[in-house]
C-alpha atoms as a PDB file:
ATOM      1  CA  UNK A   1      75.022 -16.812 348.645  1.00  0.00           C
ATOM      2  CA  UNK A   2      73.103 -19.801 350.022  1.00  0.00           C
ATOM      3  CA  UNK A   3      72.566 -20.083 353.756  1.00  0.00           C
ATOM      4  CA  UNK A   4      74.178 -23.528 353.973  1.00  0.00           C
ATOM      5  CA  UNK A   5      77.282 -22.178 352.223  1.00  0.00           C
ATOM      6  CA  UNK A   6      77.563 -19.338 354.738  1.00  0.00           C
ATOM      7  CA  UNK A   7      77.054 -21.739 357.655  1.00  0.00           C
ATOM      8  CA  UNK A   8      79.611 -24.167 356.180  1.00  0.00           C
ATOM      9  CA  UNK A   9      82.256 -21.476 355.691  1.00  0.00           C
ATOM     10  CA  UNK A  10      81.631 -20.136 359.191  1.00  0.00           C
ATOM     11  CA  UNK A  11      82.026 -23.596 360.723  1.00  0.00           C
ATOM     12  CA  UNK A  12      85.238 -24.214 358.760  1.00  0.00           C
ATOM     13  CA  UNK A  13      86.740 -20.894 359.851  1.00  0.00           C
ATOM     14  CA  UNK A  14      85.584 -21.167 363.468  1.00  0.00           C
ATOM     15  CA  UNK A  15      86.589 -24.803 364.015  1.00  0.00           C
ATOM     16  CA  UNK A  16      89.899 -24.315 362.180  1.00  0.00           C
ATOM     17  CA  UNK A  17      90.778 -21.375 364.406  1.00  0.00           C
ATOM     18  CA  UNK A  18      89.845 -23.274 367.572  1.00  0.00           C
ATOM     19  CA  UNK A  19      91.862 -26.331 366.531  1.00  0.00           C
ATOM     20  CA  UNK A  20      94.887 -24.109 365.878  1.00  0.00           C
ATOM     21  CA  UNK A  21      94.544 -22.330 369.236  1.00  0.00           C
ATOM     22  CA  UNK A  22      94.067 -25.589 371.163  1.00  0.00           C
ATOM     23  CA  UNK A  23      97.048 -27.281 369.505  1.00  0.00           C
ATOM     24  CA  UNK A  24      99.335 -24.279 370.064  1.00  0.00           C
ATOM     25  CA  UNK A  25      98.625 -23.892 373.774  1.00  0.00           C
ATOM     26  CA  UNK A  26     101.626 -23.918 376.089  1.00  0.00           C
ATOM     27  CA  UNK A  27     100.342 -26.779 378.191  1.00  0.00           C
ATOM     28  CA  UNK A  28      98.878 -29.291 375.771  1.00  0.00           C
ATOM     29  CA  UNK A  29      99.158 -32.880 377.007  1.00  0.00           C
ATOM     30  CA  UNK A  30      98.223 -34.635 373.771  1.00  0.00           C
ATOM     31  CA  UNK A  31      99.702 -32.713 370.821  1.00  0.00           C
ATOM     32  CA  UNK A  32     102.466 -30.554 372.325  1.00  0.00           C
ATOM     33  CA  UNK A  33     103.005 -29.024 368.877  1.00  0.00           C
ATOM     34  CA  UNK A  34     104.107 -25.669 370.254  1.00  0.00           C
ATOM     35  CA  UNK A  35     107.039 -27.295 372.056  1.00  0.00           C
ATOM     36  CA  UNK A  36     107.885 -29.360 368.970  1.00  0.00           C
ATOM     37  CA  UNK A  37     108.061 -26.246 366.799  1.00  0.00           C
ATOM     38  CA  UNK A  38     110.097 -24.299 369.369  1.00  0.00           C
ATOM     39  CA  UNK A  39     112.548 -27.168 369.858  1.00  0.00           C
ATOM     40  CA  UNK A  40     112.923 -27.581 366.114  1.00  0.00           C
ATOM     41  CA  UNK A  41     113.631 -23.886 365.568  1.00  0.00           C
ATOM     42  CA  UNK A  42     116.278 -23.983 368.313  1.00  0.00           C
ATOM     43  CA  UNK A  43     118.331 -26.376 366.197  1.00  0.00           C
ATOM     44  CA  UNK A  44     119.722 -23.470 364.177  1.00  0.00           C
ATOM     45  CA  UNK A  45     120.169 -20.994 367.037  1.00  0.00           C
ATOM     46  CA  UNK A  46     123.970 -21.184 366.721  1.00  0.00           C
ATOM     47  CA  UNK A  47     123.810 -20.682 362.950  1.00  0.00           C
ATOM     48  CA  UNK A  48     121.208 -17.979 362.090  1.00  0.00           C
ATOM     49  CA  UNK A  49     121.959 -18.255 358.352  1.00  0.00           C
ATOM     50  CA  UNK A  50     120.231 -21.659 358.369  1.00  0.00           C
ATOM     51  CA  UNK A  51     116.942 -19.924 359.182  1.00  0.00           C
ATOM     52  CA  UNK A  52     117.272 -18.048 355.903  1.00  0.00           C
ATOM     53  CA  UNK A  53     118.071 -21.258 354.003  1.00  0.00           C
ATOM     54  CA  UNK A  54     115.274 -23.315 355.568  1.00  0.00           C
ATOM     55  CA  UNK A  55     112.547 -20.657 355.850  1.00  0.00           C
ATOM     56  CA  UNK A  56     113.509 -17.516 353.919  1.00  0.00           C
ATOM     57  CA  UNK A  57     114.589 -18.837 350.525  1.00  0.00           C
ATOM     58  CA  UNK A  58     111.676 -21.323 350.335  1.00  0.00           C
ATOM     59  CA  UNK A  59     109.307 -18.342 350.568  1.00  0.00           C
ATOM     60  CA  UNK A  60     110.910 -16.663 347.544  1.00  0.00           C
ATOM     61  CA  UNK A  61     110.923 -20.013 345.742  1.00  0.00           C
ATOM     62  CA  UNK A  62     107.219 -20.535 346.511  1.00  0.00           C
ATOM     63  CA  UNK A  63     106.223 -17.054 345.383  1.00  0.00           C
ATOM     64  CA  UNK A  64     107.998 -17.684 342.086  1.00  0.00           C
ATOM     65  CA  UNK A  65     106.191 -20.994 341.603  1.00  0.00           C
ATOM     66  CA  UNK A  66     102.827 -19.471 342.516  1.00  0.00           C
ATOM     67  CA  UNK A  67     103.282 -16.720 339.931  1.00  0.00           C
ATOM     68  CA  UNK A  68     104.063 -19.283 337.223  1.00  0.00           C
ATOM     69  CA  UNK A  69     101.694 -22.141 338.042  1.00  0.00           C
ATOM     70  CA  UNK A  70      98.093 -21.863 339.234  1.00  0.00           C
ATOM     71  CA  UNK A  71      97.427 -24.838 341.508  1.00  0.00           C
ATOM     72  CA  UNK A  72      94.234 -26.734 340.677  1.00  0.00           C
ATOM     73  CA  UNK A  73      92.234 -29.356 342.587  1.00  0.00           C
ATOM     74  CA  UNK A  74      94.174 -32.036 340.708  1.00  0.00           C
ATOM     75  CA  UNK A  75      97.418 -30.647 342.102  1.00  0.00           C
ATOM     76  CA  UNK A  76      96.192 -30.978 345.691  1.00  0.00           C
ATOM     77  CA  UNK A  77      94.983 -34.526 345.026  1.00  0.00           C
ATOM     78  CA  UNK A  78      98.404 -35.514 343.706  1.00  0.00           C
ATOM     79  CA  UNK A  79     100.083 -33.667 346.555  1.00  0.00           C
ATOM     80  CA  UNK A  80      98.116 -35.667 349.120  1.00  0.00           C
ATOM     81  CA  UNK A  81      99.421 -38.912 347.577  1.00  0.00           C
ATOM     82  CA  UNK A  82     103.015 -37.645 347.843  1.00  0.00           C
ATOM     83  CA  UNK A  83     102.423 -36.584 351.448  1.00  0.00           C
ATOM     84  CA  UNK A  84     101.107 -40.035 352.366  1.00  0.00           C
ATOM     85  CA  UNK A  85     104.320 -41.554 350.986  1.00  0.00           C
ATOM     86  CA  UNK A  86     106.422 -39.043 352.939  1.00  0.00           C
ATOM     87  CA  UNK A  87     104.482 -39.770 356.129  1.00  0.00           C
ATOM     88  CA  UNK A  88     105.005 -43.507 355.656  1.00  0.00           C
ATOM     89  CA  UNK A  89     108.733 -42.922 355.257  1.00  0.00           C
ATOM     90  CA  UNK A  90     108.871 -40.684 358.341  1.00  0.00           C
ATOM     91  CA  UNK A  91     107.069 -43.243 360.479  1.00  0.00           C
ATOM     92  CA  UNK A  92     109.402 -45.969 359.199  1.00  0.00           C
ATOM     93  CA  UNK A  93     112.426 -43.872 360.208  1.00  0.00           C
ATOM     94  CA  UNK A  94     110.815 -43.193 363.587  1.00  0.00           C
ATOM     95  CA  UNK A  95     110.387 -46.925 364.179  1.00  0.00           C
ATOM     96  CA  UNK A  96     114.101 -47.393 363.454  1.00  0.00           C
ATOM     97  CA  UNK A  97     115.020 -44.671 365.936  1.00  0.00           C
ATOM     98  CA  UNK A  98     113.004 -46.294 368.714  1.00  0.00           C
ATOM     99  CA  UNK A  99     115.280 -49.333 368.521  1.00  0.00           C
ATOM    100  CA  UNK A 100     118.429 -47.287 369.148  1.00  0.00           C
ATOM    101  CA  UNK A 101     120.045 -48.032 372.499  1.00  0.00           C
ATOM    102  CA  UNK A 102     123.220 -46.309 373.678  1.00  0.00           C
ATOM    103  CA  UNK A 103     123.212 -47.592 377.228  1.00  0.00           C
ATOM    104  CA  UNK A 104     126.277 -49.746 376.493  1.00  0.00           C
ATOM    105  CA  UNK A 105     128.350 -46.795 375.269  1.00  0.00           C
ATOM    106  CA  UNK A 106     131.017 -46.123 377.895  1.00  0.00           C
ATOM    107  CA  UNK A 107     132.167 -42.731 376.648  1.00  0.00           C
ATOM    108  CA  UNK A 108     129.788 -40.195 378.240  1.00  0.00           C
ATOM    109  CA  UNK A 109     130.645 -37.485 375.692  1.00  0.00           C
ATOM    110  CA  UNK A 110     129.906 -39.764 372.741  1.00  0.00           C
ATOM    111  CA  UNK A 111     126.749 -41.026 374.422  1.00  0.00           C
ATOM    112  CA  UNK A 112     125.586 -37.438 375.016  1.00  0.00           C
ATOM    113  CA  UNK A 113     126.221 -36.498 371.379  1.00  0.00           C
ATOM    114  CA  UNK A 114     124.398 -39.590 370.131  1.00  0.00           C
ATOM    115  CA  UNK A 115     121.378 -38.899 372.324  1.00  0.00           C
ATOM    116  CA  UNK A 116     121.317 -35.276 371.182  1.00  0.00           C
ATOM    117  CA  UNK A 117     121.330 -36.284 367.499  1.00  0.00           C
ATOM    118  CA  UNK A 118     118.646 -38.877 368.213  1.00  0.00           C
ATOM    119  CA  UNK A 119     116.439 -36.327 369.979  1.00  0.00           C
ATOM    120  CA  UNK A 120     116.957 -33.730 367.233  1.00  0.00           C
ATOM    121  CA  UNK A 121     116.087 -36.261 364.530  1.00  0.00           C
ATOM    122  CA  UNK A 122     112.977 -37.433 366.356  1.00  0.00           C
ATOM    123  CA  UNK A 123     111.821 -33.850 366.831  1.00  0.00           C
ATOM    124  CA  UNK A 124     112.419 -33.094 363.132  1.00  0.00           C
ATOM    125  CA  UNK A 125     110.336 -36.140 362.165  1.00  0.00           C
ATOM    126  CA  UNK A 126     107.448 -35.058 364.397  1.00  0.00           C
ATOM    127  CA  UNK A 127     107.711 -31.498 363.013  1.00  0.00           C
ATOM    128  CA  UNK A 128     107.716 -32.749 359.409  1.00  0.00           C
ATOM    129  CA  UNK A 129     104.797 -35.089 360.132  1.00  0.00           C
ATOM    130  CA  UNK A 130     102.808 -32.192 361.568  1.00  0.00           C
ATOM    131  CA  UNK A 131     103.472 -30.079 358.456  1.00  0.00           C
ATOM    132  CA  UNK A 132     102.489 -32.984 356.191  1.00  0.00           C
ATOM    133  CA  UNK A 133      99.204 -33.513 358.015  1.00  0.00           C
ATOM    134  CA  UNK A 134      98.526 -29.777 358.002  1.00  0.00           C
ATOM    135  CA  UNK A 135      99.129 -29.596 354.248  1.00  0.00           C
ATOM    136  CA  UNK A 136      96.817 -32.561 353.637  1.00  0.00           C
ATOM    137  CA  UNK A 137      94.041 -30.853 355.602  1.00  0.00           C
ATOM    138  CA  UNK A 138      94.818 -27.559 353.878  1.00  0.00           C
ATOM    139  CA  UNK A 139      94.543 -29.224 350.472  1.00  0.00           C
ATOM    140  CA  UNK A 140      91.212 -30.801 351.428  1.00  0.00           C
ATOM    141  CA  UNK A 141      89.793 -27.403 352.419  1.00  0.00           C
ATOM    142  CA  UNK A 142      91.042 -25.807 349.184  1.00  0.00           C
ATOM    143  CA  UNK A 143      89.469 -28.571 347.069  1.00  0.00           C
ATOM    144  CA  UNK A 144      86.130 -28.062 348.853  1.00  0.00           C
ATOM    145  CA  UNK A 145      86.256 -24.276 348.533  1.00  0.00           C
ATOM    146  CA  UNK A 146      87.218 -24.534 344.859  1.00  0.00           C
ATOM    147  CA  UNK A 147      83.872 -26.214 344.195  1.00  0.00           C
ATOM    148  CA  UNK A 148      81.905 -23.176 345.407  1.00  0.00           C
ATOM    149  CA  UNK A 149      80.272 -21.089 342.719  1.00  0.00           C
ATOM    150  CA  UNK A 150      82.794 -18.430 341.679  1.00  0.00           C
ATOM    151  CA  UNK A 151      80.052 -15.851 341.164  1.00  0.00           C
ATOM    152  CA  UNK A 152      79.042 -16.069 344.821  1.00  0.00           C
ATOM    153  CA  UNK A 153      82.559 -16.238 346.255  1.00  0.00           C
ATOM    154  CA  UNK A 154      85.487 -14.731 344.324  1.00  0.00           C
ATOM    155  CA  UNK A 155      87.722 -17.627 345.382  1.00  0.00           C
ATOM    156  CA  UNK A 156      89.128 -18.180 341.912  1.00  0.00           C
ATOM    157  CA  UNK A 157      90.446 -14.669 341.480  1.00  0.00           C
ATOM    158  CA  UNK A 158      94.111 -14.587 340.459  1.00  0.00           C
ATOM    159  CA  UNK A 159      95.441 -12.908 343.608  1.00  0.00           C
ATOM    160  CA  UNK A 160      93.675 -15.229 346.035  1.00  0.00           C
ATOM    161  CA  UNK A 161      94.659 -18.334 344.058  1.00  0.00           C
ATOM    162  CA  UNK A 162      98.271 -17.168 343.950  1.00  0.00           C
ATOM    163  CA  UNK A 163      98.388 -16.642 347.727  1.00  0.00           C
ATOM    164  CA  UNK A 164      96.685 -19.987 348.405  1.00  0.00           C
ATOM    165  CA  UNK A 165      99.090 -21.813 346.082  1.00  0.00           C
ATOM    166  CA  UNK A 166     102.076 -19.979 347.575  1.00  0.00           C
ATOM    167  CA  UNK A 167     101.196 -21.240 351.054  1.00  0.00           C
ATOM    168  CA  UNK A 168     100.959 -24.828 349.792  1.00  0.00           C
ATOM    169  CA  UNK A 169     104.262 -24.578 347.892  1.00  0.00           C
ATOM    170  CA  UNK A 170     105.968 -22.987 350.889  1.00  0.00           C
ATOM    171  CA  UNK A 171     104.893 -25.647 353.389  1.00  0.00           C
ATOM    172  CA  UNK A 172     105.756 -28.443 350.946  1.00  0.00           C
ATOM    173  CA  UNK A 173     109.218 -26.973 350.298  1.00  0.00           C
ATOM    174  CA  UNK A 174     109.894 -26.784 354.049  1.00  0.00           C
ATOM    175  CA  UNK A 175     108.782 -30.421 354.376  1.00  0.00           C
ATOM    176  CA  UNK A 176     111.277 -31.486 351.698  1.00  0.00           C
ATOM    177  CA  UNK A 177     114.143 -29.452 353.171  1.00  0.00           C
ATOM    178  CA  UNK A 178     113.511 -30.888 356.617  1.00  0.00           C
ATOM    179  CA  UNK A 179     113.375 -34.326 355.043  1.00  0.00           C
ATOM    180  CA  UNK A 180     116.910 -33.746 353.764  1.00  0.00           C
ATOM    181  CA  UNK A 181     117.879 -32.665 357.284  1.00  0.00           C
ATOM    182  CA  UNK A 182     116.408 -35.886 358.701  1.00  0.00           C
ATOM    183  CA  UNK A 183     118.326 -37.991 356.173  1.00  0.00           C
ATOM    184  CA  UNK A 184     121.533 -36.185 357.142  1.00  0.00           C
ATOM    185  CA  UNK A 185     120.855 -36.826 360.831  1.00  0.00           C
ATOM    186  CA  UNK A 186     120.166 -40.490 360.097  1.00  0.00           C
ATOM    187  CA  UNK A 187     123.535 -40.757 358.362  1.00  0.00           C
ATOM    188  CA  UNK A 188     125.172 -39.427 361.537  1.00  0.00           C
ATOM    189  CA  UNK A 189     123.382 -42.054 363.614  1.00  0.00           C
ATOM    190  CA  UNK A 190     124.432 -44.824 361.227  1.00  0.00           C
ATOM    191  CA  UNK A 191     128.056 -43.626 361.246  1.00  0.00           C
ATOM    192  CA  UNK A 192     128.026 -43.514 365.044  1.00  0.00           C
ATOM    193  CA  UNK A 193     126.587 -47.038 365.263  1.00  0.00           C
ATOM    194  CA  UNK A 194     129.278 -48.330 362.925  1.00  0.00           C
ATOM    195  CA  UNK A 195     131.979 -46.717 365.057  1.00  0.00           C
ATOM    196  CA  UNK A 196     130.480 -48.129 368.255  1.00  0.00           C
ATOM    197  CA  UNK A 197     130.314 -51.623 366.767  1.00  0.00           C
ATOM    198  CA  UNK A 198     133.901 -51.271 365.559  1.00  0.00           C
ATOM    199  CA  UNK A 199     135.068 -50.316 369.039  1.00  0.00           C
ATOM    200  CA  UNK A 200     133.260 -53.282 370.592  1.00  0.00           C
ATOM    201  CA  UNK A 201     135.058 -55.628 368.229  1.00  0.00           C
END
């Protein structure tokens, strides 16, 4: 194996690990991803079965896909395009949420519920955006590693490719399921706004 390849792989592994550790710290002023993930997981604390639906079943689904289809570099290129579209949609929804104002709602219970839904939706968008960005970076690394000579590094072996593809499928499935959750939350916000406007009339 060439020296530059060894150095490159070492830098990828080392920097990737450091980035992950820094972003998952308890007190992180800029990213605060740890808190985002924890807050998002708390959404289903009163309904544990949702954890199985959102995180358990997607794993089985992804394993099945990985056993059937071997993801190539072309797949990750196409996936990155889809993720860009999803990110654009998430940011558009986030811009809509920033314009929501419930200061004129007199009913404190309704106002509290509306703010809770708004906060949950915003957190889900940030969580989904993080997963999308992670998957884009993940795909980039896989494309680069796929170009390494297979004789030097057994990257293209069936087991490794299956595991790598399974991770990509799993994260993408979670992104889509959370996207459905966000859409559902948005429908609640729209319904609430309609009711508020109706009451004002």
